[in-house]
N, C-alpha and C. Protein backbone atom coordinates (compact mmCIF):
# COMPACT_ATOMS: atom_id res chain seq x y z
N MET A 1 17.34 5.56 22.21
CA MET A 1 15.96 5.62 21.82
C MET A 1 15.15 4.76 22.78
N SER A 2 14.08 5.31 23.36
CA SER A 2 13.29 4.53 24.31
C SER A 2 12.19 3.77 23.60
N ALA A 3 11.71 2.72 24.24
CA ALA A 3 10.67 1.89 23.65
C ALA A 3 9.36 2.11 24.38
N ASP A 4 8.27 1.94 23.67
CA ASP A 4 6.93 2.08 24.21
C ASP A 4 6.22 0.76 23.98
N THR A 5 5.77 0.09 25.06
CA THR A 5 5.13 -1.22 24.91
C THR A 5 3.63 -1.17 25.17
N ARG A 6 3.04 0.03 25.28
CA ARG A 6 1.60 0.13 25.50
C ARG A 6 0.84 -0.34 24.27
N ALA A 7 -0.32 -0.96 24.50
CA ALA A 7 -1.18 -1.36 23.39
C ALA A 7 -1.88 -0.14 22.84
N GLY A 8 -2.22 -0.17 21.58
CA GLY A 8 -2.93 0.92 20.94
C GLY A 8 -3.71 0.40 19.76
N PRO A 9 -4.41 1.28 19.06
CA PRO A 9 -5.26 0.84 17.96
C PRO A 9 -4.47 0.24 16.79
N CYS A 10 -3.19 0.54 16.70
CA CYS A 10 -2.40 0.05 15.57
C CYS A 10 -1.34 -0.96 15.98
N ARG A 11 -1.35 -1.37 17.21
CA ARG A 11 -0.33 -2.33 17.62
C ARG A 11 -0.88 -3.22 18.74
N PRO A 12 -0.48 -4.47 18.74
CA PRO A 12 -0.90 -5.38 19.81
C PRO A 12 -0.14 -5.09 21.09
N PRO A 13 -0.65 -5.52 22.24
CA PRO A 13 0.07 -5.29 23.49
C PRO A 13 1.40 -6.02 23.50
N GLY A 14 2.41 -5.39 24.10
CA GLY A 14 3.71 -6.01 24.24
C GLY A 14 4.66 -5.77 23.09
N VAL A 15 4.22 -5.15 21.99
CA VAL A 15 5.09 -4.89 20.85
C VAL A 15 5.85 -3.60 21.11
N GLU A 16 7.17 -3.67 21.01
CA GLU A 16 7.99 -2.49 21.25
C GLU A 16 8.05 -1.61 20.01
N TRP A 17 7.84 -0.33 20.18
CA TRP A 17 7.96 0.66 19.10
C TRP A 17 8.99 1.68 19.51
N GLU A 18 9.94 1.96 18.62
CA GLU A 18 10.83 3.07 18.88
C GLU A 18 10.03 4.35 18.67
N ARG A 19 10.41 5.40 19.34
CA ARG A 19 9.67 6.65 19.25
C ARG A 19 9.99 7.44 17.97
N SER A 20 11.00 7.08 17.27
CA SER A 20 11.36 7.78 16.04
C SER A 20 10.43 7.39 14.91
N THR A 21 9.89 8.38 14.19
CA THR A 21 8.98 8.13 13.08
C THR A 21 9.65 7.31 12.00
N ILE A 22 10.90 7.59 11.69
CA ILE A 22 11.61 6.85 10.66
C ILE A 22 11.76 5.40 11.07
N ALA A 23 12.11 5.16 12.30
CA ALA A 23 12.26 3.79 12.77
C ALA A 23 10.93 3.06 12.73
N LEU A 24 9.84 3.74 13.08
CA LEU A 24 8.52 3.13 13.02
C LEU A 24 8.17 2.73 11.60
N ARG A 25 8.43 3.62 10.67
CA ARG A 25 8.10 3.34 9.28
C ARG A 25 8.89 2.15 8.76
N ARG A 26 10.16 2.11 9.04
CA ARG A 26 11.01 1.02 8.56
C ARG A 26 10.62 -0.31 9.19
N ARG A 27 10.18 -0.27 10.44
CA ARG A 27 9.91 -1.50 11.15
C ARG A 27 8.53 -2.07 10.86
N PHE A 28 7.53 -1.23 10.59
CA PHE A 28 6.16 -1.71 10.52
C PHE A 28 5.47 -1.56 9.17
N VAL A 29 6.08 -0.92 8.18
CA VAL A 29 5.45 -0.82 6.87
C VAL A 29 5.93 -1.98 6.03
N ASP A 30 5.26 -3.11 6.18
CA ASP A 30 5.61 -4.31 5.43
C ASP A 30 4.67 -4.51 4.26
N GLU A 31 3.57 -3.78 4.21
CA GLU A 31 2.57 -3.98 3.18
C GLU A 31 2.08 -2.63 2.67
N LEU A 32 1.94 -2.52 1.36
CA LEU A 32 1.36 -1.34 0.73
C LEU A 32 0.14 -1.79 -0.03
N ILE A 33 -0.99 -1.13 0.20
CA ILE A 33 -2.26 -1.53 -0.42
C ILE A 33 -2.58 -0.59 -1.57
N PHE A 34 -2.94 -1.18 -2.71
CA PHE A 34 -3.39 -0.44 -3.88
C PHE A 34 -4.85 -0.75 -4.14
N GLU A 35 -5.62 0.30 -4.40
CA GLU A 35 -7.01 0.16 -4.81
C GLU A 35 -7.03 0.11 -6.33
N VAL A 36 -7.52 -0.98 -6.90
CA VAL A 36 -7.52 -1.21 -8.34
C VAL A 36 -8.95 -1.08 -8.87
N GLU A 37 -9.11 -0.28 -9.92
CA GLU A 37 -10.43 -0.08 -10.54
C GLU A 37 -10.31 -0.17 -12.06
N GLU A 38 -11.40 -0.57 -12.70
CA GLU A 38 -11.45 -0.49 -14.16
C GLU A 38 -11.61 0.97 -14.55
N ALA A 39 -10.83 1.41 -15.53
CA ALA A 39 -10.90 2.80 -15.99
C ALA A 39 -12.08 2.94 -16.95
N ALA A 40 -12.72 4.10 -16.95
CA ALA A 40 -13.88 4.35 -17.81
C ALA A 40 -13.51 4.24 -19.28
N GLU A 41 -12.31 4.63 -19.63
CA GLU A 41 -11.87 4.59 -21.03
C GLU A 41 -11.21 3.26 -21.40
N GLY A 42 -11.26 2.29 -20.51
CA GLY A 42 -10.65 0.98 -20.73
C GLY A 42 -9.37 0.84 -19.94
N GLY A 43 -8.99 -0.38 -19.65
CA GLY A 43 -7.80 -0.63 -18.86
C GLY A 43 -8.10 -0.55 -17.38
N TYR A 44 -7.05 -0.37 -16.60
CA TYR A 44 -7.16 -0.36 -15.15
C TYR A 44 -6.31 0.75 -14.55
N THR A 45 -6.74 1.23 -13.38
CA THR A 45 -5.96 2.21 -12.62
C THR A 45 -5.69 1.64 -11.23
N ALA A 46 -4.60 2.08 -10.61
CA ALA A 46 -4.26 1.66 -9.26
C ALA A 46 -3.74 2.86 -8.47
N ARG A 47 -4.29 3.05 -7.28
CA ARG A 47 -3.90 4.16 -6.41
C ARG A 47 -3.50 3.58 -5.05
N ALA A 48 -2.31 3.95 -4.59
CA ALA A 48 -1.82 3.47 -3.29
C ALA A 48 -2.58 4.18 -2.17
N LEU A 49 -2.92 3.44 -1.14
CA LEU A 49 -3.56 4.02 0.03
C LEU A 49 -2.47 4.42 1.01
N GLY A 50 -2.39 5.70 1.31
CA GLY A 50 -1.40 6.20 2.25
C GLY A 50 -0.07 6.59 1.63
N ALA A 51 0.02 6.56 0.31
CA ALA A 51 1.25 6.97 -0.38
C ALA A 51 0.84 7.62 -1.70
N PRO A 52 1.58 8.61 -2.16
CA PRO A 52 1.23 9.32 -3.39
C PRO A 52 1.68 8.58 -4.65
N ILE A 53 1.15 7.37 -4.85
CA ILE A 53 1.52 6.56 -6.02
C ILE A 53 0.26 6.24 -6.81
N PHE A 54 0.29 6.52 -8.10
CA PHE A 54 -0.82 6.22 -9.01
C PHE A 54 -0.24 5.69 -10.31
N THR A 55 -0.86 4.66 -10.87
CA THR A 55 -0.41 4.14 -12.16
C THR A 55 -1.60 3.53 -12.90
N GLU A 56 -1.40 3.24 -14.18
CA GLU A 56 -2.47 2.65 -14.99
C GLU A 56 -1.85 1.76 -16.06
N ALA A 57 -2.68 0.84 -16.59
CA ALA A 57 -2.23 -0.07 -17.64
C ALA A 57 -3.45 -0.61 -18.38
N ASP A 58 -3.18 -1.25 -19.53
CA ASP A 58 -4.26 -1.78 -20.36
C ASP A 58 -4.85 -3.07 -19.82
N ASP A 59 -4.06 -3.87 -19.10
CA ASP A 59 -4.56 -5.14 -18.56
C ASP A 59 -3.98 -5.35 -17.15
N LEU A 60 -4.51 -6.36 -16.46
CA LEU A 60 -4.09 -6.60 -15.07
C LEU A 60 -2.63 -7.04 -14.97
N GLU A 61 -2.17 -7.82 -15.93
CA GLU A 61 -0.77 -8.24 -15.91
C GLU A 61 0.16 -7.04 -16.04
N GLY A 62 -0.16 -6.14 -16.97
CA GLY A 62 0.63 -4.92 -17.13
C GLY A 62 0.54 -4.02 -15.93
N LEU A 63 -0.65 -3.97 -15.31
CA LEU A 63 -0.82 -3.13 -14.12
C LEU A 63 0.05 -3.63 -12.97
N THR A 64 0.15 -4.95 -12.81
CA THR A 64 1.00 -5.51 -11.76
C THR A 64 2.45 -5.06 -11.94
N GLU A 65 2.94 -5.10 -13.16
CA GLU A 65 4.31 -4.66 -13.43
C GLU A 65 4.47 -3.15 -13.19
N MET A 66 3.48 -2.36 -13.60
CA MET A 66 3.54 -0.91 -13.41
C MET A 66 3.54 -0.56 -11.91
N ILE A 67 2.75 -1.28 -11.13
CA ILE A 67 2.71 -1.05 -9.68
C ILE A 67 4.06 -1.37 -9.07
N ARG A 68 4.61 -2.51 -9.42
CA ARG A 68 5.91 -2.92 -8.89
C ARG A 68 6.97 -1.87 -9.22
N ASP A 69 7.00 -1.42 -10.47
CA ASP A 69 7.98 -0.40 -10.88
C ASP A 69 7.77 0.91 -10.13
N ALA A 70 6.52 1.31 -9.95
CA ALA A 70 6.22 2.57 -9.26
C ALA A 70 6.67 2.52 -7.80
N VAL A 71 6.44 1.39 -7.14
CA VAL A 71 6.85 1.25 -5.73
C VAL A 71 8.38 1.28 -5.62
N ILE A 72 9.06 0.60 -6.54
CA ILE A 72 10.52 0.60 -6.52
C ILE A 72 11.07 2.00 -6.74
N CYS A 73 10.47 2.75 -7.67
CA CYS A 73 10.94 4.12 -7.95
C CYS A 73 10.62 5.08 -6.82
N HIS A 74 9.51 4.86 -6.13
CA HIS A 74 9.04 5.79 -5.09
C HIS A 74 9.78 5.61 -3.76
N ASN A 75 10.25 4.41 -3.47
CA ASN A 75 10.84 4.11 -2.16
C ASN A 75 12.30 3.71 -2.28
N ASP A 76 13.11 4.15 -1.30
CA ASP A 76 14.47 3.63 -1.19
C ASP A 76 14.38 2.16 -0.83
N GLU A 77 15.44 1.43 -1.08
CA GLU A 77 15.42 -0.02 -0.83
C GLU A 77 15.08 -0.35 0.62
N ALA A 78 15.59 0.43 1.56
CA ALA A 78 15.34 0.17 2.98
C ALA A 78 13.90 0.46 3.38
N ASP A 79 13.19 1.33 2.63
CA ASP A 79 11.83 1.72 2.98
C ASP A 79 10.76 0.98 2.18
N ARG A 80 11.14 0.10 1.29
CA ARG A 80 10.15 -0.60 0.45
C ARG A 80 9.36 -1.59 1.27
N PRO A 81 8.06 -1.69 0.97
CA PRO A 81 7.26 -2.72 1.65
C PRO A 81 7.67 -4.10 1.17
N HIS A 82 7.42 -5.11 1.98
CA HIS A 82 7.75 -6.47 1.59
C HIS A 82 6.65 -7.08 0.72
N VAL A 83 5.43 -6.56 0.86
CA VAL A 83 4.27 -7.10 0.14
C VAL A 83 3.45 -5.94 -0.42
N ILE A 84 2.93 -6.14 -1.63
CA ILE A 84 1.98 -5.20 -2.22
C ILE A 84 0.65 -5.93 -2.33
N ARG A 85 -0.39 -5.36 -1.73
CA ARG A 85 -1.72 -5.97 -1.77
C ARG A 85 -2.58 -5.18 -2.76
N LEU A 86 -3.27 -5.89 -3.65
CA LEU A 86 -4.18 -5.26 -4.60
C LEU A 86 -5.60 -5.49 -4.14
N HIS A 87 -6.32 -4.40 -3.94
CA HIS A 87 -7.73 -4.46 -3.54
C HIS A 87 -8.55 -4.06 -4.76
N HIS A 88 -9.20 -5.04 -5.38
CA HIS A 88 -9.98 -4.79 -6.59
C HIS A 88 -11.37 -4.27 -6.20
N VAL A 89 -11.70 -3.10 -6.74
CA VAL A 89 -12.99 -2.47 -6.46
C VAL A 89 -13.89 -2.67 -7.66
N HIS A 90 -15.06 -3.21 -7.41
CA HIS A 90 -16.02 -3.45 -8.49
C HIS A 90 -17.37 -2.92 -8.03
N ASP A 91 -17.83 -1.85 -8.67
CA ASP A 91 -19.14 -1.30 -8.33
C ASP A 91 -20.21 -1.98 -9.16
N GLU A 92 -21.28 -2.37 -8.50
CA GLU A 92 -22.39 -2.98 -9.21
C GLU A 92 -23.68 -2.40 -8.67
N LEU A 93 -24.55 -2.01 -9.59
CA LEU A 93 -25.85 -1.46 -9.19
C LEU A 93 -26.92 -2.54 -9.30
N ILE A 94 -27.76 -2.61 -8.29
CA ILE A 94 -28.85 -3.57 -8.29
C ILE A 94 -30.16 -2.78 -8.32
N PRO A 95 -30.89 -2.84 -9.43
CA PRO A 95 -32.14 -2.08 -9.49
C PRO A 95 -33.21 -2.71 -8.59
N LEU A 96 -34.03 -1.86 -7.99
CA LEU A 96 -35.13 -2.32 -7.13
C LEU A 96 -36.46 -2.12 -7.81
């Protein structure tokens, strides 16, 4: 497998990337980001960015556990991210 050390929008200069998609995914997917929102009917929802994972719970503590379980079920152990980042979205309207 050959290495590519050119800089690009997703990698700093000098970082070696194998050309295999699987190798790239295993080497560089260390973080999975979830967008967290309050649900209209109460509770919270979380949607993974870049992965088909969605879950919901009544409170934030329960949502954290549901997210962790969903990521474990969705990914093989070798493909799991090392970190899950929660991005809380809060819409607020300011009248003029």
